[in-house]
C-alpha atoms as a PDB file:
ATOM      1  CA  MET A   1       0.000   0.000   0.000  1.00  0.00           C
ATOM      2  CA  SER A   2       1.142   3.568  -0.493  1.00  0.00           C
ATOM      3  CA  ARG A   3       2.623   5.443   2.423  1.00  0.00           C
ATOM      4  CA  VAL A   4       0.263   7.059   4.897  1.00  0.00           C
ATOM      5  CA  ARG A   5       0.618  10.647   6.050  1.00  0.00           C
ATOM      6  CA  CYS A   6      -0.755  12.297   9.149  1.00  0.00           C
ATOM      7  CA  TRP A   7      -1.359  15.973   9.893  1.00  0.00           C
ATOM      8  CA  THR A   8      -2.581  17.877  12.908  1.00  0.00           C
ATOM      9  CA  ALA A   9      -5.989  19.504  12.636  1.00  0.00           C
ATOM     10  CA  ALA A  10      -4.389  22.963  12.565  1.00  0.00           C
ATOM     11  CA  THR A  11      -2.438  22.284   9.386  1.00  0.00           C
ATOM     12  CA  VAL A  12      -5.183  20.751   7.265  1.00  0.00           C
ATOM     13  CA  THR A  13      -8.293  22.671   6.354  1.00  0.00           C
ATOM     14  CA  SER A  14      -9.878  20.440   3.746  1.00  0.00           C
ATOM     15  CA  ILE A  15     -10.953  16.832   3.556  1.00  0.00           C
ATOM     16  CA  GLY A  16     -11.676  14.609   0.592  1.00  0.00           C
ATOM     17  CA  VAL A  17     -10.379  12.094  -1.876  1.00  0.00           C
ATOM     18  CA  PHE A  18      -7.322  13.002  -3.911  1.00  0.00           C
ATOM     19  CA  ALA A  19      -6.444  11.260  -7.139  1.00  0.00           C
ATOM     20  CA  GLY A  20      -3.437   8.979  -6.831  1.00  0.00           C
ATOM     21  CA  ALA A  21      -1.213   7.064  -9.165  1.00  0.00           C
ATOM     22  CA  SER A  22      -2.809   4.345 -11.234  1.00  0.00           C
ATOM     23  CA  PHE A  23      -2.701   0.958  -9.574  1.00  0.00           C
ATOM     24  CA  ALA A  24      -0.401  -1.375 -11.462  1.00  0.00           C
ATOM     25  CA  GLN A  25      -1.112  -5.054 -10.902  1.00  0.00           C
ATOM     26  CA  ALA A  26       1.690  -7.567 -11.107  1.00  0.00           C
ATOM     27  CA  PRO A  27       1.953  -9.425 -14.410  1.00  0.00           C
ATOM     28  CA  ALA A  28      -0.290 -12.487 -14.532  1.00  0.00           C
ATOM     29  CA  ASP A  29       2.649 -14.874 -14.755  1.00  0.00           C
ATOM     30  CA  VAL A  30       4.128 -13.670 -11.439  1.00  0.00           C
ATOM     31  CA  GLN A  31       1.053 -12.712  -9.434  1.00  0.00           C
ATOM     32  CA  PRO A  32      -0.108 -15.670  -7.287  1.00  0.00           C
ATOM     33  CA  ALA A  33      -3.336 -17.306  -8.391  1.00  0.00           C
ATOM     34  CA  PHE A  34      -5.798 -19.893  -7.130  1.00  0.00           C
ATOM     35  CA  GLU A  35      -5.397 -23.335  -8.647  1.00  0.00           C
ATOM     36  CA  VAL A  36      -9.143 -23.336  -9.296  1.00  0.00           C
ATOM     37  CA  ALA A  37     -11.944 -20.994  -8.249  1.00  0.00           C
ATOM     38  CA  ALA A  38     -15.711 -21.496  -8.446  1.00  0.00           C
ATOM     39  CA  ILE A  39     -17.934 -18.409  -8.188  1.00  0.00           C
ATOM     40  CA  LYS A  40     -21.718 -18.391  -8.304  1.00  0.00           C
ATOM     41  CA  PRO A  41     -24.366 -15.761  -7.490  1.00  0.00           C
ATOM     42  CA  VAL A  42     -26.291 -16.344  -4.251  1.00  0.00           C
ATOM     43  CA  PRO A  43     -28.776 -14.348  -2.152  1.00  0.00           C
ATOM     44  CA  ALA A  44     -27.435 -12.000   0.480  1.00  0.00           C
ATOM     45  CA  MET A  45     -27.123 -13.459   3.962  1.00  0.00           C
ATOM     46  CA  THR A  46     -29.887 -12.520   6.385  1.00  0.00           C
ATOM     47  CA  PRO A  47     -29.855 -12.943  10.185  1.00  0.00           C
ATOM     48  CA  ALA A  48     -32.323 -15.815   9.760  1.00  0.00           C
ATOM     49  CA  LEU A  49     -30.089 -17.644   7.279  1.00  0.00           C
ATOM     50  CA  ILE A  50     -27.053 -17.153   9.518  1.00  0.00           C
ATOM     51  CA  ALA A  51     -28.990 -18.444  12.555  1.00  0.00           C
ATOM     52  CA  SER A  52     -30.045 -21.508  10.567  1.00  0.00           C
ATOM     53  CA  GLY A  53     -26.413 -22.475  10.020  1.00  0.00           C
ATOM     54  CA  GLN A  54     -26.451 -21.861   6.266  1.00  0.00           C
ATOM     55  CA  PHE A  55     -23.530 -19.445   6.401  1.00  0.00           C
ATOM     56  CA  HIS A  56     -19.958 -20.704   6.533  1.00  0.00           C
ATOM     57  CA  SER A  57     -16.545 -19.175   5.956  1.00  0.00           C
ATOM     58  CA  ARG A  58     -13.142 -20.863   5.761  1.00  0.00           C
ATOM     59  CA  ILE A  59      -9.818 -19.304   4.800  1.00  0.00           C
ATOM     60  CA  ASP A  60      -6.631 -21.297   5.388  1.00  0.00           C
ATOM     61  CA  ASP A  61      -3.492 -22.490   3.593  1.00  0.00           C
ATOM     62  CA  ALA A  62      -5.488 -24.842   1.396  1.00  0.00           C
ATOM     63  CA  LEU A  63      -8.895 -23.362   0.694  1.00  0.00           C
ATOM     64  CA  VAL A  64     -11.083 -20.283   0.548  1.00  0.00           C
ATOM     65  CA  ASP A  65     -14.699 -21.350   1.020  1.00  0.00           C
ATOM     66  CA  ILE A  66     -17.328 -18.673   1.722  1.00  0.00           C
ATOM     67  CA  SER A  67     -21.033 -19.395   1.306  1.00  0.00           C
ATOM     68  CA  SER A  68     -22.094 -15.780   0.720  1.00  0.00           C
ATOM     69  CA  ILE A  69     -20.016 -12.619   0.374  1.00  0.00           C
ATOM     70  CA  SER A  70     -20.692  -9.329  -1.358  1.00  0.00           C
ATOM     71  CA  LEU A  71     -18.525  -8.125  -4.199  1.00  0.00           C
ATOM     72  CA  MET A  72     -17.697  -5.118  -2.010  1.00  0.00           C
ATOM     73  CA  ASN A  73     -16.361  -7.380   0.747  1.00  0.00           C
ATOM     74  CA  LEU A  74     -14.336  -9.385  -1.767  1.00  0.00           C
ATOM     75  CA  ILE A  75     -12.671  -6.155  -2.845  1.00  0.00           C
ATOM     76  CA  THR A  76     -11.976  -5.104   0.745  1.00  0.00           C
ATOM     77  CA  MET A  77     -10.431  -8.516   1.454  1.00  0.00           C
ATOM     78  CA  ALA A  78      -8.324  -8.371  -1.700  1.00  0.00           C
ATOM     79  CA  TYR A  79      -6.920  -4.899  -1.044  1.00  0.00           C
ATOM     80  CA  LYS A  80      -7.024  -5.043   2.775  1.00  0.00           C
ATOM     81  CA  VAL A  81      -9.012  -1.848   3.238  1.00  0.00           C
ATOM     82  CA  ASP A  82     -12.221  -0.992   5.052  1.00  0.00           C
ATOM     83  CA  GLN A  83     -15.235  -0.535   2.772  1.00  0.00           C
ATOM     84  CA  ASP A  84     -15.332   3.110   3.872  1.00  0.00           C
ATOM     85  CA  TYR A  85     -12.225   3.473   1.702  1.00  0.00           C
ATOM     86  CA  VAL A  86     -13.614   1.856  -1.450  1.00  0.00           C
ATOM     87  CA  ALA A  87     -15.228   4.167  -4.010  1.00  0.00           C
ATOM     88  CA  GLY A  88     -17.338   2.358  -6.584  1.00  0.00           C
ATOM     89  CA  PRO A  89     -20.863   1.619  -7.816  1.00  0.00           C
ATOM     90  CA  GLY A  90     -23.517   1.398  -5.114  1.00  0.00           C
ATOM     91  CA  TRP A  91     -24.524  -2.103  -6.205  1.00  0.00           C
ATOM     92  CA  LEU A  92     -21.176  -3.583  -5.071  1.00  0.00           C
ATOM     93  CA  ALA A  93     -22.678  -4.241  -1.625  1.00  0.00           C
ATOM     94  CA  ASP A  94     -25.798  -5.876  -3.128  1.00  0.00           C
ATOM     95  CA  GLN A  95     -24.146  -8.499  -5.353  1.00  0.00           C
ATOM     96  CA  ASN A  96     -23.406 -11.654  -3.335  1.00  0.00           C
ATOM     97  CA  PHE A  97     -21.484 -14.733  -4.398  1.00  0.00           C
ATOM     98  CA  ALA A  98     -20.448 -18.117  -3.082  1.00  0.00           C
ATOM     99  CA  VAL A  99     -16.697 -18.514  -3.538  1.00  0.00           C
ATOM    100  CA  SER A 100     -14.796 -21.789  -3.356  1.00  0.00           C
ATOM    101  CA  ALA A 101     -11.147 -21.561  -4.335  1.00  0.00           C
ATOM    102  CA  LYS A 102      -8.220 -23.951  -3.944  1.00  0.00           C
ATOM    103  CA  LEU A 103      -4.734 -22.664  -3.184  1.00  0.00           C
ATOM    104  CA  PRO A 104      -1.783 -24.245  -5.037  1.00  0.00           C
ATOM    105  CA  SER A 105       0.402 -26.655  -3.093  1.00  0.00           C
ATOM    106  CA  GLY A 106       2.994 -24.792  -1.036  1.00  0.00           C
ATOM    107  CA  SER A 107       0.910 -21.616  -0.769  1.00  0.00           C
ATOM    108  CA  ASN A 108      -0.349 -20.068   2.459  1.00  0.00           C
ATOM    109  CA  LYS A 109      -3.272 -17.871   3.449  1.00  0.00           C
ATOM    110  CA  SER A 110      -1.110 -14.735   3.547  1.00  0.00           C
ATOM    111  CA  GLN A 111      -1.202 -14.920  -0.274  1.00  0.00           C
ATOM    112  CA  VAL A 112      -4.999 -14.994  -0.418  1.00  0.00           C
ATOM    113  CA  PRO A 113      -5.438 -11.204  -0.857  1.00  0.00           C
ATOM    114  CA  ALA A 114      -3.132 -11.178  -3.903  1.00  0.00           C
ATOM    115  CA  MET A 115      -4.924 -14.239  -5.303  1.00  0.00           C
ATOM    116  CA  LEU A 116      -8.282 -12.511  -4.800  1.00  0.00           C
ATOM    117  CA  GLN A 117      -6.960  -9.468  -6.663  1.00  0.00           C
ATOM    118  CA  ARG A 118      -6.072 -11.637  -9.652  1.00  0.00           C
ATOM    119  CA  MET A 119      -9.389 -13.517  -9.467  1.00  0.00           C
ATOM    120  CA  LEU A 120     -11.354 -10.261  -9.422  1.00  0.00           C
ATOM    121  CA  ALA A 121      -9.359  -8.887 -12.358  1.00  0.00           C
ATOM    122  CA  GLU A 122      -9.815 -12.042 -14.442  1.00  0.00           C
ATOM    123  CA  ARG A 123     -13.363 -13.012 -13.535  1.00  0.00           C
ATOM    124  CA  PHE A 124     -15.014  -9.647 -12.833  1.00  0.00           C
ATOM    125  CA  LYS A 125     -12.750  -7.519 -15.090  1.00  0.00           C
ATOM    126  CA  LEU A 126     -12.024  -5.347 -12.050  1.00  0.00           C
ATOM    127  CA  VAL A 127      -9.814  -2.320 -12.692  1.00  0.00           C
ATOM    128  CA  VAL A 128      -8.883  -0.049  -9.770  1.00  0.00           C
ATOM    129  CA  HIS A 129      -6.453   2.659  -8.812  1.00  0.00           C
ATOM    130  CA  HIS A 130      -5.125   3.930  -5.498  1.00  0.00           C
ATOM    131  CA  SER A 131      -6.164   7.216  -3.997  1.00  0.00           C
ATOM    132  CA  GLU A 132      -5.939   8.940  -0.623  1.00  0.00           C
ATOM    133  CA  LYS A 133      -8.894   9.761   1.585  1.00  0.00           C
ATOM    134  CA  VAL A 134      -8.193  12.387   4.211  1.00  0.00           C
ATOM    135  CA  GLN A 135     -10.517  12.406   7.186  1.00  0.00           C
ATOM    136  CA  GLN A 136     -10.806  13.493  10.786  1.00  0.00           C
ATOM    137  CA  ILE A 137      -9.502  11.062  13.405  1.00  0.00           C
ATOM    138  CA  TYR A 138      -8.256  10.864  16.976  1.00  0.00           C
ATOM    139  CA  LEU A 139      -4.626  10.112  17.790  1.00  0.00           C
ATOM    140  CA  LEU A 140      -4.157   7.940  20.886  1.00  0.00           C
ATOM    141  CA  THR A 141      -1.198   9.431  22.768  1.00  0.00           C
ATOM    142  CA  VAL A 142       0.360   9.281  26.244  1.00  0.00           C
ATOM    143  CA  GLY A 143      -0.736  12.148  28.499  1.00  0.00           C
ATOM    144  CA  ALA A 144       1.582  14.736  30.030  1.00  0.00           C
ATOM    145  CA  GLN A 145       1.641  12.894  33.385  1.00  0.00           C
ATOM    146  CA  GLY A 146       2.734   9.606  31.813  1.00  0.00           C
ATOM    147  CA  LEU A 147       1.060   6.225  31.422  1.00  0.00           C
ATOM    148  CA  LYS A 148      -0.634   4.843  34.525  1.00  0.00           C
ATOM    149  CA  LEU A 149      -1.360   1.343  33.200  1.00  0.00           C
ATOM    150  CA  LYS A 150       0.544  -1.746  34.326  1.00  0.00           C
ATOM    151  CA  GLU A 151       2.188  -4.024  31.800  1.00  0.00           C
ATOM    152  CA  ALA A 152       0.331  -7.325  31.449  1.00  0.00           C
ATOM    153  CA  SER A 153       1.847 -10.223  33.361  1.00  0.00           C
ATOM    154  CA  ASP A 154       0.710 -12.896  30.880  1.00  0.00           C
ATOM    155  CA  ASP A 155       0.566 -13.311  27.116  1.00  0.00           C
ATOM    156  CA  GLY A 156      -3.174 -12.648  26.960  1.00  0.00           C
ATOM    157  CA  SER A 157      -3.964 -15.960  25.284  1.00  0.00           C
ATOM    158  CA  GLY A 158      -6.437 -16.957  27.971  1.00  0.00           C
ATOM    159  CA  MET A 159      -8.202 -13.622  28.418  1.00  0.00           C
ATOM    160  CA  SER A 160     -11.083 -12.241  26.411  1.00  0.00           C
ATOM    161  CA  CYS A 161     -11.826  -8.540  26.357  1.00  0.00           C
ATOM    162  CA  GLN A 162     -15.020  -7.461  28.078  1.00  0.00           C
ATOM    163  CA  GLY A 163     -16.857  -4.402  26.879  1.00  0.00           C
ATOM    164  CA  ARG A 164     -20.174  -3.133  28.141  1.00  0.00           C
ATOM    165  CA  PRO A 165     -21.813   0.290  28.297  1.00  0.00           C
ATOM    166  CA  GLY A 166     -19.590   2.296  30.602  1.00  0.00           C
ATOM    167  CA  ARG A 167     -16.902  -0.354  31.134  1.00  0.00           C
ATOM    168  CA  TYR A 168     -14.018  -1.821  29.142  1.00  0.00           C
ATOM    169  CA  VAL A 169     -11.534  -4.383  30.495  1.00  0.00           C
ATOM    170  CA  CYS A 170      -8.817  -5.979  28.400  1.00  0.00           C
ATOM    171  CA  SER A 171      -5.165  -7.032  28.326  1.00  0.00           C
ATOM    172  CA  GLN A 172      -3.859  -5.704  25.027  1.00  0.00           C
ATOM    173  CA  THR A 173      -1.438  -3.518  23.083  1.00  0.00           C
ATOM    174  CA  MET A 174      -2.091   0.157  22.467  1.00  0.00           C
ATOM    175  CA  ALA A 175      -2.596  -0.601  18.768  1.00  0.00           C
ATOM    176  CA  ALA A 176      -5.339  -3.089  19.684  1.00  0.00           C
ATOM    177  CA  LEU A 177      -6.903  -0.568  22.076  1.00  0.00           C
ATOM    178  CA  ALA A 178      -6.989   2.017  19.280  1.00  0.00           C
ATOM    179  CA  GLN A 179      -8.731  -0.519  17.053  1.00  0.00           C
ATOM    180  CA  SER A 180     -11.275  -1.277  19.787  1.00  0.00           C
ATOM    181  CA  LEU A 181     -11.985   2.429  20.194  1.00  0.00           C
ATOM    182  CA  SER A 182     -12.430   2.730  16.406  1.00  0.00           C
ATOM    183  CA  THR A 183     -14.998  -0.083  16.561  1.00  0.00           C
ATOM    184  CA  ARG A 184     -16.794   1.804  19.330  1.00  0.00           C
ATOM    185  CA  ALA A 185     -16.883   4.861  17.044  1.00  0.00           C
ATOM    186  CA  LYS A 186     -18.625   2.806  14.353  1.00  0.00           C
ATOM    187  CA  MET A 187     -21.188   1.567  16.855  1.00  0.00           C
ATOM    188  CA  ALA A 188     -21.812   5.146  18.025  1.00  0.00           C
ATOM    189  CA  ALA A 189     -22.423   6.165  14.417  1.00  0.00           C
ATOM    190  CA  LEU A 190     -24.988   3.377  14.014  1.00  0.00           C
ATOM    191  CA  ILE A 191     -26.751   4.452  17.210  1.00  0.00           C
ATOM    192  CA  ALA A 192     -26.850   8.050  16.002  1.00  0.00           C
ATOM    193  CA  GLN A 193     -28.300   6.917  12.651  1.00  0.00           C
ATOM    194  CA  ALA A 194     -31.023   5.077  14.555  1.00  0.00           C
ATOM    195  CA  GLY A 195     -32.037   8.382  16.118  1.00  0.00           C
ATOM    196  CA  ALA A 196     -30.978   7.752  19.740  1.00  0.00           C
ATOM    197  CA  PRO A 197     -30.392  11.086  21.509  1.00  0.00           C
ATOM    198  CA  ALA A 198     -27.042  11.847  23.120  1.00  0.00           C
ATOM    199  CA  ARG A 199     -26.449  13.785  26.329  1.00  0.00           C
ATOM    200  CA  ASP A 200     -25.074  17.262  25.738  1.00  0.00           C
ATOM    201  CA  ASP A 201     -22.634  16.876  28.640  1.00  0.00           C
ATOM    202  CA  GLN A 202     -21.180  13.584  27.451  1.00  0.00           C
ATOM    203  CA  ARG A 203     -18.672  13.155  24.632  1.00  0.00           C
ATOM    204  CA  ARG A 204     -18.653   9.998  22.546  1.00  0.00           C
ATOM    205  CA  ILE A 205     -15.853   8.624  20.419  1.00  0.00           C
ATOM    206  CA  ASP A 206     -17.187   9.368  16.958  1.00  0.00           C
ATOM    207  CA  LEU A 207     -14.052   9.078  14.783  1.00  0.00           C
ATOM    208  CA  PRO A 208     -11.458   6.395  13.975  1.00  0.00           C
ATOM    209  CA  VAL A 209      -8.573   6.133  16.440  1.00  0.00           C
ATOM    210  CA  ILE A 210      -4.911   5.638  15.473  1.00  0.00           C
ATOM    211  CA  ASP A 211      -2.258   4.599  17.965  1.00  0.00           C
ATOM    212  CA  GLN A 212       0.584   7.111  18.289  1.00  0.00           C
ATOM    213  CA  THR A 213       1.743   6.227  21.792  1.00  0.00           C
ATOM    214  CA  GLY A 214       4.934   4.580  20.566  1.00  0.00           C
ATOM    215  CA  LEU A 215       4.306   1.758  23.072  1.00  0.00           C
ATOM    216  CA  THR A 216       4.687  -1.825  21.851  1.00  0.00           C
ATOM    217  CA  GLY A 217       3.971  -3.820  25.027  1.00  0.00           C
ATOM    218  CA  ARG A 218       0.704  -5.223  26.353  1.00  0.00           C
ATOM    219  CA  TYR A 219      -1.110  -3.512  29.207  1.00  0.00           C
ATOM    220  CA  ASP A 220      -3.980  -4.267  31.574  1.00  0.00           C
ATOM    221  CA  VAL A 221      -6.632  -1.766  30.495  1.00  0.00           C
ATOM    222  CA  ASP A 222      -9.568  -1.093  32.813  1.00  0.00           C
ATOM    223  CA  LEU A 223     -11.804   1.859  31.896  1.00  0.00           C
ATOM    224  CA  ALA A 224     -15.005   2.881  33.683  1.00  0.00           C
ATOM    225  CA  TRP A 225     -17.206   5.851  32.870  1.00  0.00           C
ATOM    226  CA  ILE A 226     -20.841   6.949  32.906  1.00  0.00           C
ATOM    227  CA  GLU A 227     -22.680   5.903  29.778  1.00  0.00           C
ATOM    228  CA  ALA A 228     -25.943   7.461  28.616  1.00  0.00           C
ATOM    229  CA  LEU A 229     -28.894   5.128  28.166  1.00  0.00           C
ATOM    230  CA  PRO A 230     -30.187   5.255  24.563  1.00  0.00           C
ATOM    231  CA  GLY A 231     -33.616   6.801  24.416  1.00  0.00           C
ATOM    232  CA  ASP A 232     -33.838   8.640  27.740  1.00  0.00           C
ATOM    233  CA  GLY A 233     -30.620  10.643  27.994  1.00  0.00           C
ATOM    234  CA  ARG A 234     -29.935   9.533  31.582  1.00  0.00           C
ATOM    235  CA  GLY A 235     -26.614   8.106  32.687  1.00  0.00           C
ATOM    236  CA  ARG A 236     -25.633   4.781  34.187  1.00  0.00           C
ATOM    237  CA  SER A 237     -22.378   3.207  35.219  1.00  0.00           C
ATOM    238  CA  GLY A 238     -22.757   0.139  33.025  1.00  0.00           C
ATOM    239  CA  ALA A 239     -20.456  -1.627  35.478  1.00  0.00           C
ATOM    240  CA  PHE A 240     -19.880  -5.329  35.820  1.00  0.00           C
ATOM    241  CA  PRO A 241     -21.854  -6.955  38.656  1.00  0.00           C
ATOM    242  CA  THR A 242     -18.634  -7.310  40.697  1.00  0.00           C
ATOM    243  CA  GLN A 243     -17.955  -3.575  40.684  1.00  0.00           C
ATOM    244  CA  THR A 244     -19.116  -1.903  43.908  1.00  0.00           C
ATOM    245  CA  SER A 245     -17.979   1.684  43.341  1.00  0.00           C
ATOM    246  CA  ALA A 246     -19.379   4.054  40.739  1.00  0.00           C
ATOM    247  CA  PRO A 247     -17.038   5.244  37.969  1.00  0.00           C
ATOM    248  CA  THR A 248     -15.526   8.689  38.453  1.00  0.00           C
ATOM    249  CA  ALA A 249     -15.192   9.561  34.756  1.00  0.00           C
ATOM    250  CA  PRO A 250     -18.161  11.337  33.108  1.00  0.00           C
ATOM    251  CA  ASP A 251     -17.213  10.040  29.662  1.00  0.00           C
ATOM    252  CA  ILE A 252     -14.729   7.731  27.944  1.00  0.00           C
ATOM    253  CA  PHE A 253     -12.370  10.629  27.142  1.00  0.00           C
ATOM    254  CA  LYS A 254     -11.949  11.327  30.857  1.00  0.00           C
ATOM    255  CA  ALA A 255     -11.661   7.597  31.595  1.00  0.00           C
ATOM    256  CA  LEU A 256      -8.692   7.415  29.231  1.00  0.00           C
ATOM    257  CA  GLU A 257      -7.106  10.484  30.827  1.00  0.00           C
ATOM    258  CA  GLN A 258      -7.333   8.815  34.244  1.00  0.00           C
ATOM    259  CA  VAL A 259      -5.038   6.010  33.002  1.00  0.00           C
ATOM    260  CA  GLY A 260      -2.593   8.396  31.355  1.00  0.00           C
ATOM    261  CA  LEU A 261      -3.903   8.317  27.782  1.00  0.00           C
ATOM    262  CA  LYS A 262      -5.278  11.077  25.589  1.00  0.00           C
ATOM    263  CA  LEU A 263      -7.290  11.385  22.382  1.00  0.00           C
ATOM    264  CA  GLU A 264      -6.119  14.275  20.223  1.00  0.00           C
ATOM    265  CA  PRO A 265      -8.131  15.478  17.180  1.00  0.00           C
ATOM    266  CA  SER A 266      -6.162  15.260  13.953  1.00  0.00           C
ATOM    267  CA  LYS A 267      -6.430  14.464  10.247  1.00  0.00           C
ATOM    268  CA  HIS A 268      -5.116  11.371   8.518  1.00  0.00           C
ATOM    269  CA  ALA A 269      -4.610  10.282   4.930  1.00  0.00           C
ATOM    270  CA  PHE A 270      -5.781   6.704   4.398  1.00  0.00           C
ATOM    271  CA  ASP A 271      -5.134   4.548   1.373  1.00  0.00           C
ATOM    272  CA  ALA A 272      -8.308   4.210  -0.665  1.00  0.00           C
ATOM    273  CA  ILE A 273      -9.330   2.107  -3.648  1.00  0.00           C
ATOM    274  CA  VAL A 274     -11.268   3.620  -6.551  1.00  0.00           C
ATOM    275  CA  VAL A 275     -13.093   1.175  -8.802  1.00  0.00           C
ATOM    276  CA  ASP A 276     -12.682   2.233 -12.437  1.00  0.00           C
ATOM    277  CA  HIS A 277     -14.476  -0.771 -13.948  1.00  0.00           C
ATOM    278  CA  VAL A 278     -16.135  -3.963 -12.722  1.00  0.00           C
ATOM    279  CA  GLU A 279     -18.646  -6.419 -14.185  1.00  0.00           C
ATOM    280  CA  LYS A 280     -21.725  -7.528 -12.245  1.00  0.00           C
ATOM    281  CA  THR A 281     -21.483 -11.086 -13.550  1.00  0.00           C
ATOM    282  CA  PRO A 282     -18.247 -13.098 -13.376  1.00  0.00           C
ATOM    283  CA  THR A 283     -16.966 -15.074 -16.331  1.00  0.00           C
ATOM    284  CA  GLU A 284     -17.746 -18.798 -16.358  1.00  0.00           C
ATOM    285  CA  ASN A 285     -16.042 -21.133 -13.897  1.00  0.00           C
END
C-alpha cells in the first residue's frame, strides 16, 4: 500500500479524496493465483439464514470457502481496506457470491489477498487505482503525566476482552486498544443513525482512532465511565456486577485520561481504492 501521512488539525483545512497514481497489478505470470476458483451468485445473507447455520466461511493455507459474500467485501479482502475506503458503484454491496477456491500446493493464506486481486481482475474484469482519503480522526497518545497502566503479566492468550456500556476491560497492546476504540466509534455512528439522543454533557468517540503512543507492550486496560442510556438521555455506570464503586469519569475521554492516555483530534490520509471498472457477472467457472 502507499505510504500514509498524518497531519494535525491545525495544518489541514480540507478533507476529501485526492487522485493517486494508477494501480499497477503484477503481471499475470508472477502474481499468485488460485489453482481453481468457483464463483456463483447467491442471495445476500440474512440474520435468519445465519442463525439456521447456512452461512460458513473458511480461509486457510489450502482453501477459501465462503457461502455468501458481497462483491464489495471481496474487494476489501483483496486490497485489505475498510469498505469506507472503497469508491465504486452502489450495487457492489448488493451483489453476493459463493466462492470456493483452492490454493496451489505450497501456498499459504497470507497470499490470499493477492490471489483474490487476480481472481477479481480475471473473472469480474475489475480495474482499480489507489487514492488517498483524508478524514478526521483521533490520535491515541500518552498524556503529560505519563502512562498509569501496568504491563500485562501474561501473554493474553487466555483472556477475552469485556466491553459493556460504561466499562471496558482488556489485556492488550495500544494498537489493539486504538482498534477497539475505532470499533466503538462505528457503533456510536450506528446508534446516532437510529435516532438515539445523546447527552449534551457527554462526549462519545465518533471518529477512527490511530495509535501514536509509541508503546509496543501489552497492558492491563480497565476503563469505567458513565454511559448514557439510549432513548432517555440519563446516565448509568454500566459496570460489571462485581464492581461496587461508581465510575468517576463522566465520559470515555476522561476515563482514558485517568489512566494516562489522551485522544487528540487530527487528520489522517488513508489509502483508498477507486473502482474504475467492474462487471456484475463473473466469467464462467
